[in-house]
N, C-alpha and C. Protein backbone atom coordinates (compact mmCIF):
# COMPACT_ATOMS: atom_id res chain seq x y z
N UNK A 1 -25.51 107.67 24.86
CA UNK A 1 -26.20 106.30 24.98
C UNK A 1 -25.68 105.49 25.99
N UNK A 2 -26.58 104.80 26.76
CA UNK A 2 -26.16 103.90 27.81
C UNK A 2 -26.77 102.55 27.67
N UNK A 3 -26.29 101.50 28.17
CA UNK A 3 -26.81 100.13 27.92
C UNK A 3 -27.29 99.69 29.30
N UNK A 4 -28.55 99.03 29.22
CA UNK A 4 -29.17 98.48 30.35
C UNK A 4 -29.00 97.01 30.49
N UNK A 5 -28.57 96.58 31.63
CA UNK A 5 -28.37 95.12 31.90
C UNK A 5 -29.16 94.65 33.18
N UNK A 6 -29.31 93.40 33.30
CA UNK A 6 -29.69 92.75 34.46
C UNK A 6 -28.69 91.85 34.91
N UNK A 7 -28.45 91.41 36.08
CA UNK A 7 -27.43 90.53 36.54
C UNK A 7 -28.14 89.25 37.19
N UNK A 8 -27.83 88.16 36.51
CA UNK A 8 -28.55 86.92 36.94
C UNK A 8 -27.50 85.73 37.53
N UNK A 9 -27.91 85.06 38.32
CA UNK A 9 -27.11 83.95 38.76
C UNK A 9 -27.17 82.71 37.69
N UNK A 10 -26.08 82.09 37.61
CA UNK A 10 -25.78 80.89 36.79
C UNK A 10 -26.75 79.76 37.41
N UNK A 11 -27.29 79.01 36.48
CA UNK A 11 -28.14 77.86 36.86
C UNK A 11 -27.31 76.76 37.53
N UNK A 12 -26.21 76.48 36.76
CA UNK A 12 -25.42 75.32 37.32
C UNK A 12 -24.26 75.71 38.22
N UNK A 13 -24.03 77.08 38.31
CA UNK A 13 -23.11 77.69 39.16
C UNK A 13 -23.73 78.93 39.84
N UNK A 14 -24.36 78.79 40.88
CA UNK A 14 -25.00 79.88 41.57
C UNK A 14 -24.03 81.06 41.97
N UNK A 15 -22.81 80.72 42.23
CA UNK A 15 -21.80 81.71 42.54
C UNK A 15 -21.41 82.60 41.33
N UNK A 16 -21.66 82.16 40.18
CA UNK A 16 -21.28 82.84 38.91
C UNK A 16 -22.41 83.82 38.56
N UNK A 17 -22.06 84.97 38.19
CA UNK A 17 -23.11 86.03 37.72
C UNK A 17 -22.93 86.31 36.34
N UNK A 18 -24.12 86.57 35.76
CA UNK A 18 -24.00 86.86 34.21
C UNK A 18 -24.72 88.21 34.06
N UNK A 19 -24.11 89.08 33.32
CA UNK A 19 -24.66 90.37 32.77
C UNK A 19 -25.49 90.10 31.42
N UNK A 20 -26.68 90.42 31.52
CA UNK A 20 -27.46 90.18 30.22
C UNK A 20 -28.06 91.53 29.80
N UNK A 21 -27.67 91.94 28.62
CA UNK A 21 -28.10 93.12 28.10
C UNK A 21 -29.56 93.07 27.72
N UNK A 22 -30.35 94.04 28.15
CA UNK A 22 -31.93 94.03 27.97
C UNK A 22 -32.41 95.24 27.62
N UNK A 23 -31.53 96.19 27.18
CA UNK A 23 -32.19 97.51 26.69
C UNK A 23 -31.19 98.64 26.53
N UNK A 24 -31.64 99.82 26.30
CA UNK A 24 -30.75 101.03 26.12
C UNK A 24 -31.38 102.14 26.96
N UNK A 25 -30.51 103.14 27.20
CA UNK A 25 -31.04 104.31 27.81
C UNK A 25 -30.39 105.61 27.12
N UNK A 26 -31.23 106.68 27.23
CA UNK A 26 -30.71 107.86 26.44
C UNK A 26 -30.94 109.02 27.54
N UNK A 27 -30.12 110.01 27.71
CA UNK A 27 -30.21 111.09 28.48
C UNK A 27 -30.92 112.17 27.49
N UNK A 28 -31.93 112.86 28.00
CA UNK A 28 -32.56 113.83 27.39
C UNK A 28 -32.08 115.21 27.69
N UNK A 29 -32.46 116.26 26.87
CA UNK A 29 -31.87 117.59 26.97
C UNK A 29 -32.11 118.14 28.25
N UNK A 30 -33.19 117.80 28.94
CA UNK A 30 -33.35 118.36 30.37
C UNK A 30 -32.95 117.55 31.43
N UNK A 31 -32.01 116.54 31.08
CA UNK A 31 -31.20 115.84 32.23
C UNK A 31 -31.90 114.55 32.61
N UNK A 32 -33.14 114.37 32.13
CA UNK A 32 -33.97 113.08 32.55
C UNK A 32 -33.41 111.98 31.59
N UNK A 33 -33.92 110.76 31.93
CA UNK A 33 -33.39 109.62 31.19
C UNK A 33 -34.65 108.95 30.63
N UNK A 34 -34.51 108.40 29.55
CA UNK A 34 -35.45 107.62 28.85
C UNK A 34 -34.88 106.20 28.77
N UNK A 35 -35.59 105.18 29.18
CA UNK A 35 -35.17 103.75 29.15
C UNK A 35 -36.01 102.90 28.27
N UNK A 36 -35.50 102.18 27.24
CA UNK A 36 -36.09 101.30 26.35
C UNK A 36 -35.75 100.00 26.70
N UNK A 37 -36.61 99.04 27.23
CA UNK A 37 -36.34 97.67 27.61
C UNK A 37 -36.76 96.75 26.57
N UNK A 38 -36.01 95.63 26.20
CA UNK A 38 -36.39 94.61 25.36
C UNK A 38 -36.94 93.52 26.17
N UNK A 39 -36.68 93.41 27.26
CA UNK A 39 -36.98 92.40 28.29
C UNK A 39 -37.28 92.97 29.65
N UNK A 40 -37.95 92.20 30.50
CA UNK A 40 -38.11 92.70 31.92
C UNK A 40 -37.28 91.72 32.85
N UNK A 41 -36.54 92.40 33.80
CA UNK A 41 -35.80 91.57 34.69
C UNK A 41 -36.71 90.93 35.65
N UNK A 42 -36.76 89.59 35.86
CA UNK A 42 -37.36 89.02 36.91
C UNK A 42 -37.03 89.24 38.32
N UNK A 43 -35.77 89.61 38.49
CA UNK A 43 -35.26 90.09 39.84
C UNK A 43 -35.40 91.35 40.13
N UNK A 44 -35.98 92.32 39.12
CA UNK A 44 -36.12 93.58 39.47
C UNK A 44 -34.88 94.50 39.37
N UNK A 45 -33.80 93.89 39.11
CA UNK A 45 -32.39 94.65 39.22
C UNK A 45 -32.11 95.20 37.81
N UNK A 46 -31.75 96.52 37.67
CA UNK A 46 -31.32 96.98 36.47
C UNK A 46 -30.00 97.77 36.70
N UNK A 47 -29.04 97.63 35.79
CA UNK A 47 -27.72 98.27 35.94
C UNK A 47 -27.67 99.04 34.61
N UNK A 48 -27.56 100.35 34.71
CA UNK A 48 -27.43 101.29 33.53
C UNK A 48 -25.93 101.74 33.44
N UNK A 49 -25.28 101.26 32.33
CA UNK A 49 -23.86 101.71 32.22
C UNK A 49 -23.61 102.53 30.95
N UNK A 50 -22.52 103.35 31.00
CA UNK A 50 -22.18 104.07 29.94
C UNK A 50 -21.73 103.15 28.77
N UNK A 51 -22.17 103.43 27.54
CA UNK A 51 -21.75 102.60 26.43
C UNK A 51 -20.24 102.81 26.15
N UNK A 52 -19.61 101.65 25.82
CA UNK A 52 -18.23 101.69 25.64
C UNK A 52 -17.88 100.77 24.36
N UNK A 53 -16.66 100.83 23.88
CA UNK A 53 -16.28 100.28 22.68
C UNK A 53 -15.93 98.91 22.72
N UNK A 54 -15.72 98.34 24.01
CA UNK A 54 -15.32 96.86 24.08
C UNK A 54 -16.54 96.17 23.88
N UNK A 55 -16.34 94.84 23.52
CA UNK A 55 -17.35 93.85 23.27
C UNK A 55 -18.11 93.62 24.46
N UNK A 56 -19.33 93.61 24.53
CA UNK A 56 -20.25 93.30 25.81
C UNK A 56 -20.94 92.04 25.64
N UNK A 57 -20.63 91.14 26.67
CA UNK A 57 -21.19 89.71 26.68
C UNK A 57 -22.61 89.89 27.06
N UNK A 58 -23.54 89.08 26.56
CA UNK A 58 -24.84 88.91 27.03
C UNK A 58 -25.39 87.54 27.11
C-alpha cells in the first residue's frame, strides 16, 4: 500500500510547503496501480510514496 499526497504552499509563509495526505494507492497483481483519492489537488500535483511506520503529518 502507498500513500498519496499533494504538496501545497503555506498561506502565511509561501516558502513553507505542506504535505497533505489525500488518498491511497495499491499495486495490482499485473503491476498496474489503483489510486483512491479522498480529495482532488487544486495544483494538479500528486506524490505517491511507500507506506511507512512513522507518523505522517497532514
